[in-house]
Each structure stands twice: as C-alpha cells, then as structure tokens.
Amino acid sequence: MSIVEVSPGVSIEYETFGDPSDPAVLLVMGFSAQMIGWHEDFCHALAERGRYVIRYDNRDCGLSTKFDDHPVDTGRLIEVVSSGDIASALAMVPYTLQDMADDGLGLLTALGIERAHVVGSSMGGMLAQTMAISRPERLLTLTSMMSSTGEPEYGRSSAEAQAVLFTPKPSDREGYIAAAERDLMWSSKRYGNPALLRELAARSYDRAYYPAGAGRQLGAMILSGSRAEALRELRVPTLVVHGLDDVLVDPSGGKRTAELVPGAKLLLLPDMGHDRPRELWREIIDALDAHTS
C-alpha cells in the first residue's frame, strides 16, 4: 500500500494489483467503508483477467486524509436536512461529492494514468457517476454498482435498513465487531455470512477505526442533488449492477440509472443484497471483464 497527494492538503491511500501496462480499473468504495471492502482476492481475480486494478480509501476514511478541523454531528445534519434547511446543511459540510470524485481522478493522474475503467459501489457508484459526468474523457467505461441517481424517489432504503445504518456502533473493538452482524439486514438473503462480516469489521477496526468521517461523507452524499439530467447526456459506456435483495439502496436505483444513461447495460442479480458475496464474484467479474474489454 502507498499514499500520494492528489490535491493540496489531500492524500489518498491506495493499493494496486496486476501489471501497470494493462488497462486500469479504479475501484471506488462506498460510504464510510475502507478500500479493503474490495477484497484482495476479488482484486487479484480481476487482475488475472488482464486488468491493472487500483483500490483506494476515500477521504475521511481508512488511511487517507481526515478532515478533523470540520466536525459534523450526523444526527444534527439529518435533522437539518429533514427540515428542508439545505443552506444550513451545506454550511455544515466541508466538501462535496465532486471533491471526493476529484480525489479518484487525482489518484489516476498521480499514477500517470490518463484514462481508466471506473467501478463504483454504493456511494462509490455516485462518485463514479460524478467522475463520468464531470470528466468523461478520463473514463474508458463506467460501472455503477448497487447505487442510484440522487433522485430521492429512487433507490430508497427500507426503514429497517436506515435504522441499522444510522445506529452508532460501539467504540470498543469487541463491541464493534459484534455489531457488524447488523449488516445482515441488507446482505444477500442466500449468501449473507456473519463470520465474514465480523472478519471485515475486525480488519477495518484494527487498520483505521475512524467514525468521525462518516458525517462529512454522508453530508457530501445526501447534499449532492440529482444527477438525472447529467446522466441523460452521458456518453460513457456504462454497466449498472444491482442486487435484487438490496434493501439499503432499493433496486429501483440501479434500474433508474440504466434507464437514464443512453445505451447502458443492466445486470440484476437475484441473490445479491447490498454486498458482493464471494459466491457471485465469478458472475460479477465476468460482467466486468466483458464490459471493460
């Protein structure tokens, strides 16, 4: 793993897999999740298909730059947004989804990569869409996975999933790891695995426990607005992947994304929730291989 400055004051931790002479695939992680959420075995398997795979920590997560000088109370932020006072909510958040997207593009620049296949998951899908909208010339292809368009009527979370998402996890290691089983709420019904959730939680806690960044990332995400009109104009080859078991981002989010982007391909996976179970890696990687060829 390495770290590189992508803009003044912002450094991004990243890791690569495969041959740098192969086409680059940038993997963009979701809300408050570290890059290790893209499992190294998944990255190696994709690299074996002849891709130069790059995973990285978004700002305010993992080992990338933290914005400690701008504390955000997540509960208060949600209250302000719910009240409709968007101006006050925007004033609480130190950066935008565009800033986060620029981090990914800046990482490519720092690595000397002019164009890449960009694959984003959940909030990472929003970031990947934003990269494609703002700098389409930098993307060979776009893959938006378990994500949505920023339109509030699509991709809604169930009430139960929202309750889990916004319930703080214990700060002690043992409690944090045990609480990871709550994520079964939005995992694949068939392949959800509590042991693997606990394992990832333990690795994440030991690597970089940092809940303070979540409020800032959340603010950037929910205040980004709709990308619908921009997606209608997008001309980047696009694949949309969504699990039909997903209750954190309803499959309508993926369907709507594919509906808006001209020529987009839609892959709906019956046994996938808001996760990437190992049992479906072959199908996902086959789709990515075909899309990025």
Protein backbone atom coordinates (compact mmCIF):
# COMPACT_ATOMS: atom_id res chain seq x y z
CA MET A 1 0.00 0.00 0.00
CA SER A 2 1.09 3.56 -0.74
CA ILE A 3 -0.09 7.11 -0.21
CA VAL A 4 0.05 10.04 -2.63
CA GLU A 5 -1.06 13.67 -2.57
CA VAL A 6 -3.87 14.19 -5.10
CA SER A 7 -4.57 17.86 -4.36
CA PRO A 8 -3.25 20.42 -1.87
CA GLY A 9 -3.86 19.02 1.60
CA VAL A 10 -5.45 15.76 0.44
CA SER A 11 -3.53 12.49 0.33
CA ILE A 12 -5.06 9.18 -0.71
CA GLU A 13 -4.00 5.70 0.40
CA TYR A 14 -4.15 3.14 -2.39
CA GLU A 15 -3.06 -0.33 -3.45
CA THR A 16 -2.57 -1.84 -6.90
CA PHE A 17 -2.85 -5.36 -8.31
CA GLY A 18 -1.57 -6.67 -11.62
CA ASP A 19 0.55 -5.30 -14.44
CA PRO A 20 0.66 -1.49 -14.84
CA SER A 21 0.79 -1.96 -18.61
CA ASP A 22 -2.72 -3.48 -18.56
CA PRO A 23 -5.87 -1.32 -18.78
CA ALA A 24 -6.53 0.35 -15.43
CA VAL A 25 -9.62 -0.39 -13.35
CA LEU A 26 -10.27 2.04 -10.49
CA LEU A 27 -12.41 0.54 -7.70
CA VAL A 28 -14.31 3.18 -5.72
CA MET A 29 -15.61 2.23 -2.28
CA GLY A 30 -18.84 3.32 -0.60
CA PHE A 31 -19.97 5.25 2.45
CA SER A 32 -17.59 5.05 5.42
CA ALA A 33 -16.07 1.83 4.07
CA GLN A 34 -12.33 1.30 3.66
CA MET A 35 -10.78 0.06 0.45
CA ILE A 36 -10.39 -3.40 1.98
CA GLY A 37 -14.13 -3.76 1.33
CA TRP A 38 -12.91 -4.61 -2.16
CA HIS A 39 -11.48 -7.94 -1.03
CA GLU A 40 -7.94 -8.58 -2.19
CA ASP A 41 -8.99 -11.96 -3.65
CA PHE A 42 -11.58 -10.13 -5.78
CA CYS A 43 -8.89 -7.66 -6.89
CA HIS A 44 -6.45 -10.45 -7.75
CA ALA A 45 -9.14 -12.31 -9.71
CA LEU A 46 -9.91 -9.21 -11.75
CA ALA A 47 -6.20 -8.55 -12.29
CA GLU A 48 -5.82 -12.08 -13.62
CA ARG A 49 -8.21 -11.09 -16.42
CA GLY A 50 -5.57 -8.64 -17.65
CA ARG A 51 -6.50 -5.52 -15.70
CA TYR A 52 -4.41 -3.18 -13.58
CA VAL A 53 -6.61 -2.91 -10.50
CA ILE A 54 -6.46 0.07 -8.14
CA ARG A 55 -8.37 0.29 -4.87
CA TYR A 56 -8.19 3.26 -2.52
CA ASP A 57 -9.51 4.84 0.67
CA ASN A 58 -11.84 7.78 0.13
CA ARG A 59 -11.02 10.94 2.06
CA ASP A 60 -12.13 10.80 5.70
CA CYS A 61 -11.81 7.03 5.75
CA GLY A 62 -9.11 4.42 6.19
CA LEU A 63 -5.61 5.87 5.89
CA SER A 64 -6.45 8.81 3.63
CA THR A 65 -6.64 12.45 4.78
CA LYS A 66 -9.05 13.21 7.63
CA PHE A 67 -10.92 16.49 8.00
CA ASP A 68 -10.79 16.71 11.79
CA ASP A 69 -10.99 20.52 11.70
CA HIS A 70 -14.60 20.27 10.47
CA PRO A 71 -16.59 18.13 12.92
CA VAL A 72 -20.09 17.18 11.77
CA ASP A 73 -22.79 15.87 14.10
CA THR A 74 -24.51 13.24 11.96
CA GLY A 75 -27.76 13.36 13.94
CA ARG A 76 -27.93 17.14 13.70
CA LEU A 77 -27.12 17.03 9.99
CA ILE A 78 -30.01 14.64 9.35
CA GLU A 79 -32.35 16.87 11.37
CA VAL A 80 -31.36 19.96 9.37
CA VAL A 81 -31.71 18.17 6.02
CA SER A 82 -35.08 16.72 7.07
CA SER A 83 -36.30 20.23 7.98
CA GLY A 84 -35.53 21.39 4.45
CA ASP A 85 -32.87 23.90 5.52
CA ILE A 86 -30.44 22.88 2.80
CA ALA A 87 -28.37 26.07 3.04
CA SER A 88 -27.57 25.37 6.70
CA ALA A 89 -26.84 21.74 5.92
CA LEU A 90 -24.41 22.71 3.16
CA ALA A 91 -22.64 25.06 5.56
CA MET A 92 -22.02 22.13 7.92
CA VAL A 93 -20.16 20.00 5.35
CA PRO A 94 -16.58 20.88 4.28
CA TYR A 95 -16.58 19.14 0.90
CA THR A 96 -18.81 17.84 -1.85
CA LEU A 97 -19.30 14.62 -3.76
CA GLN A 98 -17.47 16.35 -6.63
CA ASP A 99 -14.46 16.92 -4.35
CA MET A 100 -14.46 13.22 -3.49
CA ALA A 101 -14.77 12.28 -7.14
CA ASP A 102 -11.84 14.57 -7.95
CA ASP A 103 -9.76 12.60 -5.42
CA GLY A 104 -10.19 9.47 -7.52
CA LEU A 105 -9.32 11.30 -10.72
CA GLY A 106 -6.37 12.92 -8.96
CA LEU A 107 -5.14 9.48 -7.93
CA LEU A 108 -5.20 8.37 -11.57
CA THR A 109 -3.24 11.49 -12.53
CA ALA A 110 -0.68 10.87 -9.79
CA LEU A 111 -0.22 7.33 -11.10
CA GLY A 112 0.29 8.59 -14.65
CA ILE A 113 -2.97 7.07 -15.90
CA GLU A 114 -4.81 9.19 -18.45
CA ARG A 115 -7.94 7.02 -18.79
CA ALA A 116 -9.38 4.17 -16.74
CA HIS A 117 -12.35 1.90 -16.30
CA VAL A 118 -14.10 3.19 -13.16
CA VAL A 119 -16.16 0.85 -10.98
CA GLY A 120 -18.03 2.34 -8.02
CA SER A 121 -20.05 0.61 -5.33
CA SER A 122 -22.92 2.29 -3.40
CA MET A 123 -21.70 5.83 -2.60
CA GLY A 124 -18.74 4.83 -4.74
CA GLY A 125 -21.19 4.42 -7.61
CA MET A 126 -22.28 8.01 -7.06
CA LEU A 127 -18.64 9.07 -7.11
CA ALA A 128 -18.01 7.07 -10.30
CA GLN A 129 -21.05 8.66 -11.94
CA THR A 130 -19.78 12.09 -10.88
CA MET A 131 -16.36 11.35 -12.38
CA ALA A 132 -18.01 10.32 -15.65
CA ILE A 133 -20.23 13.42 -15.73
CA SER A 134 -17.50 15.93 -14.88
CA ARG A 135 -14.57 14.37 -16.76
CA PRO A 136 -15.91 11.88 -19.31
CA GLU A 137 -12.65 11.99 -21.25
CA ARG A 138 -10.90 10.31 -18.28
CA LEU A 139 -13.16 7.24 -18.30
CA LEU A 140 -12.93 4.30 -20.65
CA THR A 141 -16.07 2.84 -19.11
CA LEU A 142 -18.30 3.36 -16.07
CA THR A 143 -19.72 0.66 -13.83
CA SER A 144 -22.26 1.77 -11.23
CA MET A 145 -22.91 -0.95 -8.67
CA MET A 146 -25.70 -1.00 -6.02
CA SER A 147 -26.08 2.76 -6.40
CA SER A 148 -28.58 5.38 -7.54
CA THR A 149 -29.04 8.72 -9.30
CA GLY A 150 -29.50 11.16 -6.42
CA GLU A 151 -33.23 11.39 -7.11
CA PRO A 152 -35.00 10.88 -3.77
CA GLU A 153 -37.79 8.74 -5.21
CA TYR A 154 -35.38 6.05 -6.43
CA GLY A 155 -33.05 3.73 -4.52
CA ARG A 156 -34.70 4.35 -1.16
CA SER A 157 -33.59 2.44 1.92
CA SER A 158 -36.11 0.44 3.90
CA ALA A 159 -36.91 1.85 7.33
CA GLU A 160 -35.20 -1.14 8.94
CA ALA A 161 -32.02 -0.67 6.87
CA GLN A 162 -31.92 3.05 7.70
CA ALA A 163 -32.26 2.27 11.39
CA VAL A 164 -29.24 -0.04 11.22
CA LEU A 165 -27.20 2.38 9.12
CA PHE A 166 -27.69 5.30 11.49
CA THR A 167 -27.32 3.40 14.76
CA PRO A 168 -23.79 4.11 16.05
CA LYS A 169 -21.62 1.07 16.55
CA PRO A 170 -19.80 0.54 19.86
CA SER A 171 -16.38 2.17 20.08
CA ASP A 172 -14.66 -0.80 21.72
CA ARG A 173 -13.17 -3.42 19.44
CA GLU A 174 -15.22 -6.38 20.68
CA GLY A 175 -18.49 -4.47 20.53
CA TYR A 176 -17.71 -3.03 17.10
CA ILE A 177 -17.01 -6.48 15.66
CA ALA A 178 -20.15 -7.98 17.19
CA ALA A 179 -22.27 -5.12 15.83
CA ALA A 180 -21.13 -5.92 12.29
CA GLU A 181 -23.73 -8.69 12.23
CA ARG A 182 -26.38 -5.97 12.00
CA ASP A 183 -25.29 -5.59 8.37
CA LEU A 184 -27.03 -8.87 7.63
CA MET A 185 -30.10 -6.64 7.33
CA TRP A 186 -29.02 -5.66 3.79
CA SER A 187 -26.83 -8.63 2.88
CA SER A 188 -27.74 -11.34 0.42
CA LYS A 189 -30.57 -13.45 1.85
CA ARG A 190 -28.96 -16.57 0.44
CA TYR A 191 -25.27 -15.86 1.00
CA GLY A 192 -25.17 -13.46 3.96
CA ASN A 193 -22.31 -14.58 6.20
CA PRO A 194 -21.97 -13.20 9.75
CA ALA A 195 -18.46 -14.62 10.16
CA LEU A 196 -17.22 -12.70 7.11
CA LEU A 197 -18.90 -9.51 8.34
CA ARG A 198 -17.13 -9.87 11.69
CA GLU A 199 -13.82 -10.58 9.94
CA LEU A 200 -14.06 -7.41 7.81
CA ALA A 201 -15.09 -5.38 10.87
CA ALA A 202 -12.06 -6.62 12.80
CA ARG A 203 -9.69 -5.78 9.94
CA SER A 204 -11.28 -2.36 9.49
CA TYR A 205 -11.15 -1.56 13.21
CA ASP A 206 -7.50 -2.57 13.51
CA ARG A 207 -6.48 -0.78 10.32
CA ALA A 208 -8.18 2.57 10.88
CA TYR A 209 -11.11 2.95 13.26
CA TYR A 210 -12.46 6.41 12.43
CA PRO A 211 -16.21 7.02 12.81
CA ALA A 212 -15.82 10.82 12.75
CA GLY A 213 -15.56 10.90 8.96
CA ALA A 214 -18.98 9.35 8.41
CA GLY A 215 -20.96 12.55 9.00
CA ARG A 216 -18.92 14.51 6.47
CA GLN A 217 -19.17 11.78 3.83
CA LEU A 218 -22.91 11.48 4.49
CA GLY A 219 -23.36 15.21 4.05
CA ALA A 220 -21.47 15.18 0.76
CA MET A 221 -23.60 12.28 -0.44
CA ILE A 222 -27.09 13.41 0.51
CA LEU A 223 -26.49 17.05 -0.47
CA SER A 224 -25.14 16.23 -3.92
CA GLY A 225 -28.56 16.51 -5.54
CA SER A 226 -29.91 14.70 -8.56
CA ARG A 227 -27.60 13.60 -11.37
CA ALA A 228 -30.55 12.63 -13.58
CA GLU A 229 -30.23 15.30 -16.26
CA ALA A 230 -26.46 14.90 -16.49
CA LEU A 231 -26.82 11.12 -16.75
CA ARG A 232 -29.20 11.57 -19.70
CA GLU A 233 -26.37 13.32 -21.53
CA LEU A 234 -23.64 10.83 -20.59
CA ARG A 235 -21.89 9.09 -23.46
CA VAL A 236 -19.51 6.88 -21.47
CA PRO A 237 -20.14 3.11 -21.97
CA THR A 238 -21.99 2.13 -18.80
CA LEU A 239 -22.79 -1.06 -16.93
CA VAL A 240 -25.20 -0.99 -13.99
CA VAL A 241 -25.11 -3.84 -11.47
CA HIS A 242 -27.66 -4.21 -8.67
CA GLY A 243 -28.75 -6.96 -6.33
CA LEU A 244 -32.44 -7.74 -6.08
CA ASP A 245 -32.03 -8.45 -2.35
CA ASP A 246 -30.77 -4.89 -1.71
CA VAL A 247 -32.82 -3.06 0.93
CA LEU A 248 -30.22 -0.34 1.66
CA VAL A 249 -30.37 1.01 -1.91
CA ASP A 250 -33.53 -0.33 -3.48
CA PRO A 251 -33.02 -1.91 -6.94
CA SER A 252 -35.07 0.94 -8.40
CA GLY A 253 -31.86 2.99 -8.03
CA GLY A 254 -29.97 0.75 -10.41
CA LYS A 255 -32.89 0.41 -12.80
CA ARG A 256 -33.27 4.18 -12.94
CA THR A 257 -29.56 4.68 -13.59
CA ALA A 258 -29.65 2.25 -16.52
CA GLU A 259 -32.83 3.90 -17.82
CA LEU A 260 -31.22 7.34 -17.88
CA VAL A 261 -27.78 6.59 -19.35
CA PRO A 262 -28.02 6.08 -23.12
CA GLY A 263 -27.08 2.53 -24.09
CA ALA A 264 -26.43 1.39 -20.52
CA LYS A 265 -26.45 -2.33 -19.77
CA LEU A 266 -28.30 -3.53 -16.65
CA LEU A 267 -27.31 -6.63 -14.67
CA LEU A 268 -29.76 -7.54 -11.89
CA LEU A 269 -28.53 -10.32 -9.60
CA PRO A 270 -31.26 -12.27 -7.76
CA ASP A 271 -29.06 -13.45 -4.86
CA MET A 272 -27.14 -10.23 -4.17
CA GLY A 273 -28.01 -7.69 -1.49
CA HIS A 274 -26.00 -4.60 -0.64
CA ASP A 275 -22.87 -6.71 -0.73
CA ARG A 276 -20.73 -8.74 -3.08
CA PRO A 277 -20.91 -12.33 -1.81
CA ARG A 278 -17.99 -14.47 -2.87
CA GLU A 279 -20.42 -16.92 -4.46
CA LEU A 280 -21.27 -14.25 -7.07
CA TRP A 281 -17.76 -12.98 -7.75
CA ARG A 282 -17.41 -15.07 -10.91
CA GLU A 283 -20.59 -13.60 -12.39
CA ILE A 284 -19.62 -10.04 -11.40
CA ILE A 285 -16.06 -10.38 -12.70
CA ASP A 286 -17.28 -11.96 -15.94
CA ALA A 287 -19.56 -8.93 -16.43
CA LEU A 288 -16.73 -6.50 -15.65
CA ASP A 289 -14.37 -8.39 -17.96
CA ALA A 290 -16.86 -8.19 -20.85
CA HIS A 291 -17.67 -4.54 -20.19
CA THR A 292 -14.05 -3.39 -19.95
CA SER A 293 -12.76 -5.37 -22.94
